Amino acid sequence: MRDRMNVYFPPELLRQIGDLAERKGLSRSAIVEAAVASFLSPDGADRREAAFARRLDRLSRQVQRLERNVGISTETLALFIRFWLTITPPLPSDAQAAAQIKGRERYEGFIEALGRRLQKGQSLLDEIPQDIEGTTGEGG
């Protein structure tokens, strides 16, 4: 047996309950009943805490991956710049204009190649583990 209870909700909350009931294919009473039962449940706080902990753990792992990827990218760029500055001799002033034109052409080719890689979903960060495995497999 069920008892009837009249409850007043703000229009916005009532609209949200109605929308959720429609999406889930349930009655508005079932939605409100589940919400009240969850609120009154003694282990409801524990479940919410566990859900928050899972979400925080997931976010922590994502941030750790981002930090690792940014670190790899920064080290890659720094190593390239150091290498380039070490091996590139200064140009005489009469060769500067031709070098700038050639540099622009090479840069445009680089941007096109980068665009193709990104469209295909290729990433240097994905290739690094494969390259390391290939190197260790050949030497062992």
C-alpha atoms as a PDB file:
ATOM      1  CA  MET A   1       0.000   0.000   0.000  1.00  0.00           C
ATOM      2  CA  ARG A   2       1.194   3.492  -0.788  1.00  0.00           C
ATOM      3  CA  ASP A   3       0.284   6.757   0.892  1.00  0.00           C
ATOM      4  CA  ARG A   4      -0.237   9.948  -1.004  1.00  0.00           C
ATOM      5  CA  MET A   5       1.821  13.057  -0.277  1.00  0.00           C
ATOM      6  CA  ASN A   6       1.512  16.475  -1.900  1.00  0.00           C
ATOM      7  CA  VAL A   7       4.800  18.243  -2.456  1.00  0.00           C
ATOM      8  CA  TYR A   8       5.516  21.630  -3.998  1.00  0.00           C
ATOM      9  CA  PHE A   9       8.516  22.130  -6.280  1.00  0.00           C
ATOM     10  CA  PRO A  10       9.919  25.198  -7.992  1.00  0.00           C
ATOM     11  CA  PRO A  11       8.897  25.200 -11.693  1.00  0.00           C
ATOM     12  CA  GLU A  12      12.482  24.650 -12.899  1.00  0.00           C
ATOM     13  CA  LEU A  13      12.985  21.591 -10.676  1.00  0.00           C
ATOM     14  CA  LEU A  14       9.620  20.191 -11.743  1.00  0.00           C
ATOM     15  CA  ARG A  15      10.638  20.647 -15.379  1.00  0.00           C
ATOM     16  CA  GLN A  16      13.934  18.794 -14.742  1.00  0.00           C
ATOM     17  CA  ILE A  17      12.065  15.933 -13.060  1.00  0.00           C
ATOM     18  CA  GLY A  18       9.666  15.757 -16.004  1.00  0.00           C
ATOM     19  CA  ASP A  19      12.529  15.779 -18.531  1.00  0.00           C
ATOM     20  CA  LEU A  20      14.376  13.005 -16.677  1.00  0.00           C
ATOM     21  CA  ALA A  21      11.222  10.928 -16.365  1.00  0.00           C
ATOM     22  CA  GLU A  22      10.628  11.270 -20.101  1.00  0.00           C
ATOM     23  CA  ARG A  23      14.235  10.336 -20.991  1.00  0.00           C
ATOM     24  CA  LYS A  24      14.227   7.323 -18.664  1.00  0.00           C
ATOM     25  CA  GLY A  25      10.693   6.246 -19.519  1.00  0.00           C
ATOM     26  CA  LEU A  26       9.588   6.413 -15.883  1.00  0.00           C
ATOM     27  CA  SER A  27       6.907   8.271 -14.008  1.00  0.00           C
ATOM     28  CA  ARG A  28       7.686  11.499 -12.205  1.00  0.00           C
ATOM     29  CA  SER A  29       6.669   9.776  -8.953  1.00  0.00           C
ATOM     30  CA  ALA A  30       9.266   7.045  -9.539  1.00  0.00           C
ATOM     31  CA  ILE A  31      11.988   9.660 -10.107  1.00  0.00           C
ATOM     32  CA  VAL A  32      11.088  11.571  -6.928  1.00  0.00           C
ATOM     33  CA  GLU A  33      10.776   8.339  -4.925  1.00  0.00           C
ATOM     34  CA  ALA A  34      14.250   7.183  -6.034  1.00  0.00           C
ATOM     35  CA  ALA A  35      15.742  10.580  -5.207  1.00  0.00           C
ATOM     36  CA  VAL A  36      14.205  10.658  -1.728  1.00  0.00           C
ATOM     37  CA  ALA A  37      15.218   7.043  -1.046  1.00  0.00           C
ATOM     38  CA  SER A  38      18.775   7.825  -2.110  1.00  0.00           C
ATOM     39  CA  PHE A  39      18.820  10.939   0.066  1.00  0.00           C
ATOM     40  CA  LEU A  40      17.527   9.040   3.116  1.00  0.00           C
ATOM     41  CA  SER A  41      19.725   5.981   2.581  1.00  0.00           C
ATOM     42  CA  PRO A  42      22.369   5.670   5.318  1.00  0.00           C
ATOM     43  CA  ASP A  43      24.973   4.446   2.829  1.00  0.00           C
ATOM     44  CA  GLY A  44      24.094   7.146   0.286  1.00  0.00           C
ATOM     45  CA  ALA A  45      26.909   9.362   1.521  1.00  0.00           C
ATOM     46  CA  ASP A  46      29.359   6.463   1.209  1.00  0.00           C
ATOM     47  CA  ARG A  47      28.236   5.804  -2.358  1.00  0.00           C
ATOM     48  CA  ARG A  48      28.578   9.466  -3.260  1.00  0.00           C
ATOM     49  CA  GLU A  49      32.019   9.573  -1.678  1.00  0.00           C
ATOM     50  CA  ALA A  50      33.058   6.437  -3.596  1.00  0.00           C
ATOM     51  CA  ALA A  51      31.751   7.951  -6.841  1.00  0.00           C
ATOM     52  CA  PHE A  52      33.686  11.164  -6.184  1.00  0.00           C
ATOM     53  CA  ALA A  53      36.807   9.167  -5.342  1.00  0.00           C
ATOM     54  CA  ARG A  54      36.540   7.225  -8.632  1.00  0.00           C
ATOM     55  CA  ARG A  55      36.100  10.443 -10.578  1.00  0.00           C
ATOM     56  CA  LEU A  56      39.013  12.107  -8.800  1.00  0.00           C
ATOM     57  CA  ASP A  57      41.206   9.063  -9.439  1.00  0.00           C
ATOM     58  CA  ARG A  58      40.308   9.160 -13.129  1.00  0.00           C
ATOM     59  CA  LEU A  59      41.033  12.893 -13.297  1.00  0.00           C
ATOM     60  CA  SER A  60      44.342  12.370 -11.488  1.00  0.00           C
ATOM     61  CA  ARG A  61      45.393   9.735 -14.023  1.00  0.00           C
ATOM     62  CA  GLN A  62      44.414  12.037 -16.891  1.00  0.00           C
ATOM     63  CA  VAL A  63      46.421  14.916 -15.405  1.00  0.00           C
ATOM     64  CA  GLN A  64      49.416  12.607 -14.892  1.00  0.00           C
ATOM     65  CA  ARG A  65      49.250  11.551 -18.565  1.00  0.00           C
ATOM     66  CA  LEU A  66      49.020  15.203 -19.614  1.00  0.00           C
ATOM     67  CA  GLU A  67      52.023  16.100 -17.449  1.00  0.00           C
ATOM     68  CA  ARG A  68      53.998  13.191 -18.922  1.00  0.00           C
ATOM     69  CA  ASN A  69      53.059  14.146 -22.485  1.00  0.00           C
ATOM     70  CA  VAL A  70      53.910  17.813 -21.952  1.00  0.00           C
ATOM     71  CA  GLY A  71      57.221  16.792 -20.363  1.00  0.00           C
ATOM     72  CA  ILE A  72      58.057  14.551 -23.323  1.00  0.00           C
ATOM     73  CA  SER A  73      57.088  17.294 -25.772  1.00  0.00           C
ATOM     74  CA  THR A  74      59.184  19.883 -23.949  1.00  0.00           C
ATOM     75  CA  GLU A  75      62.223  17.604 -23.765  1.00  0.00           C
ATOM     76  CA  THR A  76      61.836  16.689 -27.440  1.00  0.00           C
ATOM     77  CA  LEU A  77      61.716  20.326 -28.461  1.00  0.00           C
ATOM     78  CA  ALA A  78      64.657  21.267 -26.219  1.00  0.00           C
ATOM     79  CA  LEU A  79      66.764  18.389 -27.536  1.00  0.00           C
ATOM     80  CA  PHE A  80      65.970  19.310 -31.146  1.00  0.00           C
ATOM     81  CA  ILE A  81      66.793  22.988 -30.578  1.00  0.00           C
ATOM     82  CA  ARG A  82      70.088  22.125 -28.843  1.00  0.00           C
ATOM     83  CA  PHE A  83      71.008  19.715 -31.658  1.00  0.00           C
ATOM     84  CA  TRP A  84      70.022  22.189 -34.394  1.00  0.00           C
ATOM     85  CA  LEU A  85      71.945  25.055 -32.787  1.00  0.00           C
ATOM     86  CA  THR A  86      74.987  22.824 -32.340  1.00  0.00           C
ATOM     87  CA  ILE A  87      75.236  21.544 -35.931  1.00  0.00           C
ATOM     88  CA  THR A  88      73.990  24.561 -37.912  1.00  0.00           C
ATOM     89  CA  PRO A  89      76.811  26.873 -38.945  1.00  0.00           C
ATOM     90  CA  PRO A  90      76.086  30.585 -39.342  1.00  0.00           C
ATOM     91  CA  LEU A  91      75.363  31.681 -42.920  1.00  0.00           C
ATOM     92  CA  PRO A  92      77.305  34.341 -44.752  1.00  0.00           C
ATOM     93  CA  SER A  93      75.259  37.500 -45.336  1.00  0.00           C
ATOM     94  CA  ASP A  94      75.013  36.925 -49.117  1.00  0.00           C
ATOM     95  CA  ALA A  95      73.307  33.515 -48.549  1.00  0.00           C
ATOM     96  CA  GLN A  96      70.741  34.761 -46.013  1.00  0.00           C
ATOM     97  CA  ALA A  97      67.978  35.677 -48.521  1.00  0.00           C
ATOM     98  CA  ALA A  98      68.133  32.314 -50.318  1.00  0.00           C
ATOM     99  CA  ALA A  99      68.164  30.496 -46.971  1.00  0.00           C
ATOM    100  CA  GLN A 100      65.070  32.393 -45.806  1.00  0.00           C
ATOM    101  CA  ILE A 101      63.171  31.444 -48.978  1.00  0.00           C
ATOM    102  CA  LYS A 102      64.213  27.812 -48.646  1.00  0.00           C
ATOM    103  CA  GLY A 103      63.312  27.918 -44.942  1.00  0.00           C
ATOM    104  CA  ARG A 104      59.790  29.135 -45.710  1.00  0.00           C
ATOM    105  CA  GLU A 105      59.338  26.334 -48.276  1.00  0.00           C
ATOM    106  CA  ARG A 106      60.564  23.728 -45.804  1.00  0.00           C
ATOM    107  CA  TYR A 107      58.319  25.150 -43.070  1.00  0.00           C
ATOM    108  CA  GLU A 108      55.271  24.956 -45.335  1.00  0.00           C
ATOM    109  CA  GLY A 109      56.144  21.314 -46.093  1.00  0.00           C
ATOM    110  CA  PHE A 110      56.505  20.667 -42.382  1.00  0.00           C
ATOM    111  CA  ILE A 111      53.079  22.185 -41.635  1.00  0.00           C
ATOM    112  CA  GLU A 112      51.478  20.101 -44.407  1.00  0.00           C
ATOM    113  CA  ALA A 113      53.085  16.903 -43.084  1.00  0.00           C
ATOM    114  CA  LEU A 114      51.989  17.768 -39.544  1.00  0.00           C
ATOM    115  CA  GLY A 115      48.433  18.375 -40.743  1.00  0.00           C
ATOM    116  CA  ARG A 116      48.350  14.981 -42.483  1.00  0.00           C
ATOM    117  CA  ARG A 117      49.639  13.209 -39.351  1.00  0.00           C
ATOM    118  CA  LEU A 118      47.090  14.927 -37.140  1.00  0.00           C
ATOM    119  CA  GLN A 119      44.252  14.090 -39.549  1.00  0.00           C
ATOM    120  CA  LYS A 120      45.286  10.418 -39.439  1.00  0.00           C
ATOM    121  CA  GLY A 121      45.457  10.532 -35.649  1.00  0.00           C
ATOM    122  CA  GLN A 122      49.183   9.774 -35.564  1.00  0.00           C
ATOM    123  CA  SER A 123      51.189  11.017 -32.603  1.00  0.00           C
ATOM    124  CA  LEU A 124      54.862  11.037 -31.737  1.00  0.00           C
ATOM    125  CA  LEU A 125      53.885  10.176 -28.163  1.00  0.00           C
ATOM    126  CA  ASP A 126      52.235   6.991 -29.450  1.00  0.00           C
ATOM    127  CA  GLU A 127      55.309   6.052 -31.502  1.00  0.00           C
ATOM    128  CA  ILE A 128      57.862   6.413 -28.698  1.00  0.00           C
ATOM    129  CA  PRO A 129      56.979   3.143 -26.885  1.00  0.00           C
ATOM    130  CA  GLN A 130      56.992   1.299 -30.236  1.00  0.00           C
ATOM    131  CA  ASP A 131      60.400   2.749 -31.119  1.00  0.00           C
ATOM    132  CA  ILE A 132      61.825   1.789 -27.725  1.00  0.00           C
ATOM    133  CA  GLU A 133      60.468  -1.773 -28.003  1.00  0.00           C
ATOM    134  CA  GLY A 134      61.921  -2.046 -31.516  1.00  0.00           C
ATOM    135  CA  THR A 135      65.324  -0.851 -30.305  1.00  0.00           C
ATOM    136  CA  THR A 136      65.458  -3.204 -27.312  1.00  0.00           C
ATOM    137  CA  GLY A 137      64.208  -6.132 -29.405  1.00  0.00           C
ATOM    138  CA  GLU A 138      66.982  -5.733 -32.018  1.00  0.00           C
ATOM    139  CA  GLY A 139      69.829  -5.448 -29.530  1.00  0.00           C
ATOM    140  CA  GLY A 140      68.781  -8.380 -27.287  1.00  0.00           C
END
